[in-house]
N, C-alpha and C. Protein backbone atom coordinates (compact mmCIF):
# COMPACT_ATOMS: atom_id res chain seq x y z
N MET A 1 108.11 -30.34 -55.88
CA MET A 1 108.83 -31.57 -55.65
C MET A 1 108.47 -32.11 -54.27
N LEU A 2 108.15 -33.37 -54.19
CA LEU A 2 107.81 -34.00 -52.92
C LEU A 2 109.08 -34.36 -52.16
N ARG A 3 109.05 -34.14 -50.88
CA ARG A 3 110.20 -34.43 -50.03
C ARG A 3 110.18 -35.91 -49.63
N ASP A 4 111.33 -36.56 -49.75
CA ASP A 4 111.49 -37.93 -49.30
C ASP A 4 111.36 -37.93 -47.78
N ARG A 5 110.58 -38.84 -47.23
CA ARG A 5 110.36 -38.88 -45.78
C ARG A 5 111.65 -39.06 -45.01
N ALA A 6 112.66 -39.67 -45.61
CA ALA A 6 113.94 -39.88 -44.92
C ALA A 6 114.84 -38.65 -45.00
N GLU A 7 114.44 -37.64 -45.76
CA GLU A 7 115.26 -36.45 -45.91
C GLU A 7 114.97 -35.45 -44.79
N PRO A 8 116.01 -34.96 -44.11
CA PRO A 8 115.77 -34.02 -43.02
C PRO A 8 115.27 -32.67 -43.53
N LYS A 9 114.47 -31.99 -42.71
CA LYS A 9 114.05 -30.63 -43.02
C LYS A 9 115.28 -29.74 -42.94
N PRO A 10 115.29 -28.63 -43.66
CA PRO A 10 116.47 -27.76 -43.61
C PRO A 10 116.65 -27.14 -42.22
N LEU A 11 117.88 -26.93 -41.84
CA LEU A 11 118.22 -26.26 -40.59
C LEU A 11 118.66 -24.85 -40.96
N ILE A 12 117.95 -23.86 -40.48
CA ILE A 12 118.24 -22.47 -40.83
C ILE A 12 118.74 -21.76 -39.58
N TRP A 13 119.94 -21.23 -39.65
CA TRP A 13 120.55 -20.50 -38.55
C TRP A 13 120.14 -19.04 -38.65
N ARG A 14 119.66 -18.44 -37.57
CA ARG A 14 119.24 -17.04 -37.55
C ARG A 14 120.15 -16.25 -36.62
N GLY A 15 120.43 -15.01 -36.98
CA GLY A 15 121.24 -14.14 -36.13
C GLY A 15 122.59 -14.77 -35.84
N THR A 16 122.97 -14.77 -34.59
CA THR A 16 124.27 -15.33 -34.19
C THR A 16 124.17 -16.78 -33.72
N SER A 17 123.05 -17.43 -34.01
CA SER A 17 122.83 -18.78 -33.47
C SER A 17 123.92 -19.77 -33.87
N LYS A 18 124.41 -19.71 -35.11
CA LYS A 18 125.43 -20.69 -35.52
C LYS A 18 126.76 -20.40 -34.83
N SER A 19 127.16 -19.14 -34.77
CA SER A 19 128.43 -18.83 -34.09
C SER A 19 128.31 -19.11 -32.59
N ASP A 20 127.13 -18.87 -32.01
CA ASP A 20 126.91 -19.22 -30.60
C ASP A 20 127.08 -20.72 -30.40
N PHE A 21 126.51 -21.50 -31.31
CA PHE A 21 126.61 -22.96 -31.26
C PHE A 21 128.07 -23.40 -31.37
N MET A 22 128.81 -22.77 -32.27
CA MET A 22 130.21 -23.15 -32.49
C MET A 22 131.10 -22.81 -31.29
N ASP A 23 130.64 -21.91 -30.43
CA ASP A 23 131.39 -21.57 -29.22
C ASP A 23 131.24 -22.61 -28.11
N PHE A 24 130.25 -23.51 -28.22
CA PHE A 24 130.07 -24.54 -27.21
C PHE A 24 131.24 -25.53 -27.26
N PRO A 25 131.52 -26.21 -26.15
CA PRO A 25 132.53 -27.29 -26.18
C PRO A 25 132.11 -28.37 -27.16
N SER A 26 133.09 -29.09 -27.71
CA SER A 26 132.79 -30.08 -28.76
C SER A 26 131.81 -31.16 -28.29
N ALA A 27 131.89 -31.58 -27.04
CA ALA A 27 130.95 -32.61 -26.55
C ALA A 27 129.52 -32.07 -26.57
N ALA A 28 129.34 -30.81 -26.18
CA ALA A 28 128.01 -30.20 -26.21
C ALA A 28 127.53 -30.03 -27.64
N GLN A 29 128.43 -29.67 -28.55
CA GLN A 29 128.06 -29.54 -29.97
C GLN A 29 127.56 -30.87 -30.52
N ARG A 30 128.25 -31.96 -30.17
CA ARG A 30 127.83 -33.28 -30.66
C ARG A 30 126.43 -33.62 -30.16
N GLU A 31 126.20 -33.44 -28.87
CA GLU A 31 124.90 -33.80 -28.29
C GLU A 31 123.79 -32.90 -28.83
N MET A 32 124.06 -31.59 -28.88
CA MET A 32 123.05 -30.67 -29.41
C MET A 32 122.86 -30.87 -30.91
N GLY A 33 123.94 -31.16 -31.62
CA GLY A 33 123.83 -31.44 -33.05
C GLY A 33 122.93 -32.63 -33.32
N TYR A 34 123.07 -33.67 -32.50
CA TYR A 34 122.20 -34.84 -32.63
C TYR A 34 120.75 -34.47 -32.35
N ALA A 35 120.53 -33.64 -31.31
CA ALA A 35 119.17 -33.20 -30.99
C ALA A 35 118.59 -32.37 -32.13
N LEU A 36 119.42 -31.52 -32.75
CA LEU A 36 118.95 -30.73 -33.89
C LEU A 36 118.61 -31.64 -35.07
N PHE A 37 119.45 -32.66 -35.32
CA PHE A 37 119.18 -33.59 -36.41
C PHE A 37 117.85 -34.32 -36.18
N LEU A 38 117.63 -34.77 -34.95
CA LEU A 38 116.36 -35.44 -34.65
C LEU A 38 115.19 -34.50 -34.92
N ALA A 39 115.33 -33.23 -34.53
CA ALA A 39 114.26 -32.25 -34.79
C ALA A 39 114.03 -32.09 -36.29
N GLN A 40 115.10 -32.08 -37.07
CA GLN A 40 114.97 -31.99 -38.53
C GLN A 40 114.21 -33.19 -39.10
N MET A 41 114.34 -34.32 -38.43
CA MET A 41 113.68 -35.55 -38.88
C MET A 41 112.27 -35.68 -38.31
N GLY A 42 111.83 -34.65 -37.57
CA GLY A 42 110.49 -34.67 -36.99
C GLY A 42 110.40 -35.46 -35.70
N LYS A 43 111.55 -35.70 -35.07
CA LYS A 43 111.59 -36.46 -33.82
C LYS A 43 112.11 -35.56 -32.71
N ARG A 44 112.19 -36.08 -31.53
CA ARG A 44 112.61 -35.28 -30.38
C ARG A 44 113.60 -36.05 -29.53
N HIS A 45 114.68 -35.41 -29.14
CA HIS A 45 115.67 -36.01 -28.25
C HIS A 45 115.01 -36.27 -26.90
N SER A 46 115.12 -37.47 -26.39
CA SER A 46 114.38 -37.84 -25.18
C SER A 46 114.82 -37.06 -23.95
N ALA A 47 116.07 -36.66 -23.87
CA ALA A 47 116.55 -35.98 -22.67
C ALA A 47 116.76 -34.48 -22.85
N MET A 48 116.99 -34.02 -24.08
CA MET A 48 117.39 -32.63 -24.28
C MET A 48 116.35 -31.73 -24.92
N ALA A 49 115.26 -32.24 -25.41
CA ALA A 49 114.32 -31.41 -26.16
C ALA A 49 112.95 -31.41 -25.51
N LYS A 50 112.35 -30.22 -25.50
CA LYS A 50 110.97 -30.09 -25.04
C LYS A 50 110.34 -28.92 -25.78
N THR A 51 109.01 -28.87 -25.81
CA THR A 51 108.31 -27.78 -26.47
C THR A 51 108.53 -26.50 -25.68
N LEU A 52 108.91 -25.43 -26.38
CA LEU A 52 109.12 -24.14 -25.75
C LEU A 52 107.79 -23.42 -25.70
N GLU A 53 107.34 -23.10 -24.49
CA GLU A 53 106.02 -22.48 -24.29
C GLU A 53 105.95 -21.09 -24.91
N GLY A 54 104.75 -20.72 -25.38
CA GLY A 54 104.52 -19.38 -25.89
C GLY A 54 104.79 -19.19 -27.36
N PHE A 55 104.99 -20.28 -28.10
CA PHE A 55 105.29 -20.18 -29.52
C PHE A 55 104.35 -21.05 -30.35
N GLY A 56 103.12 -21.18 -29.93
CA GLY A 56 102.13 -21.89 -30.73
C GLY A 56 102.30 -23.39 -30.75
N GLY A 57 102.46 -24.01 -29.62
CA GLY A 57 102.51 -25.47 -29.57
C GLY A 57 103.89 -26.01 -29.84
N GLY A 58 103.97 -27.06 -30.64
CA GLY A 58 105.23 -27.74 -30.90
C GLY A 58 106.06 -27.15 -32.00
N ALA A 59 105.76 -25.93 -32.45
CA ALA A 59 106.49 -25.35 -33.57
C ALA A 59 107.93 -25.00 -33.18
N VAL A 60 108.19 -24.70 -31.93
CA VAL A 60 109.53 -24.37 -31.47
C VAL A 60 109.92 -25.37 -30.39
N VAL A 61 111.04 -26.04 -30.61
CA VAL A 61 111.52 -27.03 -29.67
C VAL A 61 112.80 -26.50 -29.02
N GLU A 62 112.83 -26.50 -27.72
CA GLU A 62 113.98 -26.05 -26.95
C GLU A 62 114.94 -27.21 -26.80
N VAL A 63 116.22 -26.99 -27.15
CA VAL A 63 117.23 -28.04 -27.04
C VAL A 63 118.21 -27.69 -25.93
N LYS A 64 117.68 -27.46 -24.75
CA LYS A 64 118.46 -27.32 -23.53
C LYS A 64 117.49 -27.33 -22.38
N GLU A 65 118.00 -27.42 -21.19
CA GLU A 65 117.11 -27.63 -20.05
C GLU A 65 116.36 -26.37 -19.62
N ASN A 66 117.04 -25.26 -19.44
CA ASN A 66 116.41 -24.03 -18.98
C ASN A 66 116.72 -22.89 -19.94
N THR A 67 115.76 -22.01 -20.13
CA THR A 67 115.92 -20.89 -21.06
C THR A 67 115.70 -19.58 -20.31
N ALA A 68 116.69 -18.70 -20.38
CA ALA A 68 116.58 -17.39 -19.74
C ALA A 68 115.59 -16.53 -20.52
N LYS A 69 114.99 -15.55 -19.85
CA LYS A 69 114.01 -14.68 -20.48
C LYS A 69 114.61 -13.97 -21.70
N ALA A 70 115.86 -13.51 -21.60
CA ALA A 70 116.51 -12.84 -22.73
C ALA A 70 116.64 -13.79 -23.92
N ASP A 71 116.93 -15.06 -23.64
CA ASP A 71 117.03 -16.04 -24.72
C ASP A 71 115.68 -16.28 -25.37
N ILE A 72 114.61 -16.29 -24.60
CA ILE A 72 113.27 -16.48 -25.15
C ILE A 72 112.93 -15.32 -26.08
N GLU A 73 113.29 -14.10 -25.69
CA GLU A 73 113.04 -12.95 -26.55
C GLU A 73 113.85 -13.04 -27.84
N ARG A 74 115.08 -13.55 -27.76
CA ARG A 74 115.91 -13.74 -28.96
C ARG A 74 115.26 -14.77 -29.88
N VAL A 75 114.74 -15.86 -29.31
CA VAL A 75 114.05 -16.88 -30.11
C VAL A 75 112.82 -16.27 -30.78
N ARG A 76 112.06 -15.49 -30.01
CA ARG A 76 110.85 -14.86 -30.55
C ARG A 76 111.20 -13.97 -31.74
N LYS A 77 112.27 -13.17 -31.62
CA LYS A 77 112.68 -12.29 -32.72
C LYS A 77 113.12 -13.11 -33.93
N ARG A 78 113.93 -14.15 -33.70
CA ARG A 78 114.42 -14.97 -34.81
C ARG A 78 113.29 -15.71 -35.50
N LEU A 79 112.24 -16.02 -34.77
CA LEU A 79 111.08 -16.68 -35.37
C LEU A 79 110.22 -15.68 -36.12
N ASN A 80 110.06 -14.48 -35.57
CA ASN A 80 109.20 -13.48 -36.20
C ASN A 80 109.83 -12.81 -37.41
N ASP A 81 111.16 -12.70 -37.47
CA ASP A 81 111.82 -12.05 -38.60
C ASP A 81 111.46 -12.70 -39.94
N PRO A 82 111.60 -14.03 -40.09
CA PRO A 82 111.24 -14.63 -41.39
C PRO A 82 109.74 -14.55 -41.67
N ILE A 83 108.93 -14.57 -40.64
CA ILE A 83 107.48 -14.44 -40.84
C ILE A 83 107.16 -13.06 -41.40
N ALA A 84 107.80 -12.03 -40.83
CA ALA A 84 107.59 -10.66 -41.33
C ALA A 84 108.10 -10.52 -42.76
N GLU A 85 109.24 -11.16 -43.07
CA GLU A 85 109.78 -11.11 -44.43
C GLU A 85 108.81 -11.73 -45.44
N MET A 86 108.20 -12.86 -45.06
CA MET A 86 107.23 -13.52 -45.94
C MET A 86 106.00 -12.66 -46.15
N GLU A 87 105.53 -11.98 -45.10
CA GLU A 87 104.35 -11.14 -45.23
C GLU A 87 104.60 -9.94 -46.13
N LYS A 88 105.83 -9.40 -46.13
CA LYS A 88 106.19 -8.29 -47.00
C LYS A 88 106.12 -8.69 -48.47
N ARG A 89 106.42 -9.96 -48.77
CA ARG A 89 106.44 -10.45 -50.15
C ARG A 89 105.05 -10.61 -50.74
N LYS A 90 104.04 -10.70 -49.86
CA LYS A 90 102.66 -10.92 -50.34
C LYS A 90 102.10 -9.70 -50.99
């Protein structure tokens, strides 16, 4: 089935990412939610999103200003887990 260009890509929460998001204040949730929606639509929030280095170009977009090393490792694990799952299925 072909995807309608106006249809957003699915948003998949990994690990504790959704509960972590829900712990943010409501104003931050609204702003980050909008940035996530733009990412789903293939766009980028002008002030909150940038390419996260070390993940193969624009495949991973960071939706905050600074990322701690521990957070980068968490992102790396959450990105690699589904890749490993797909490789097991082959």
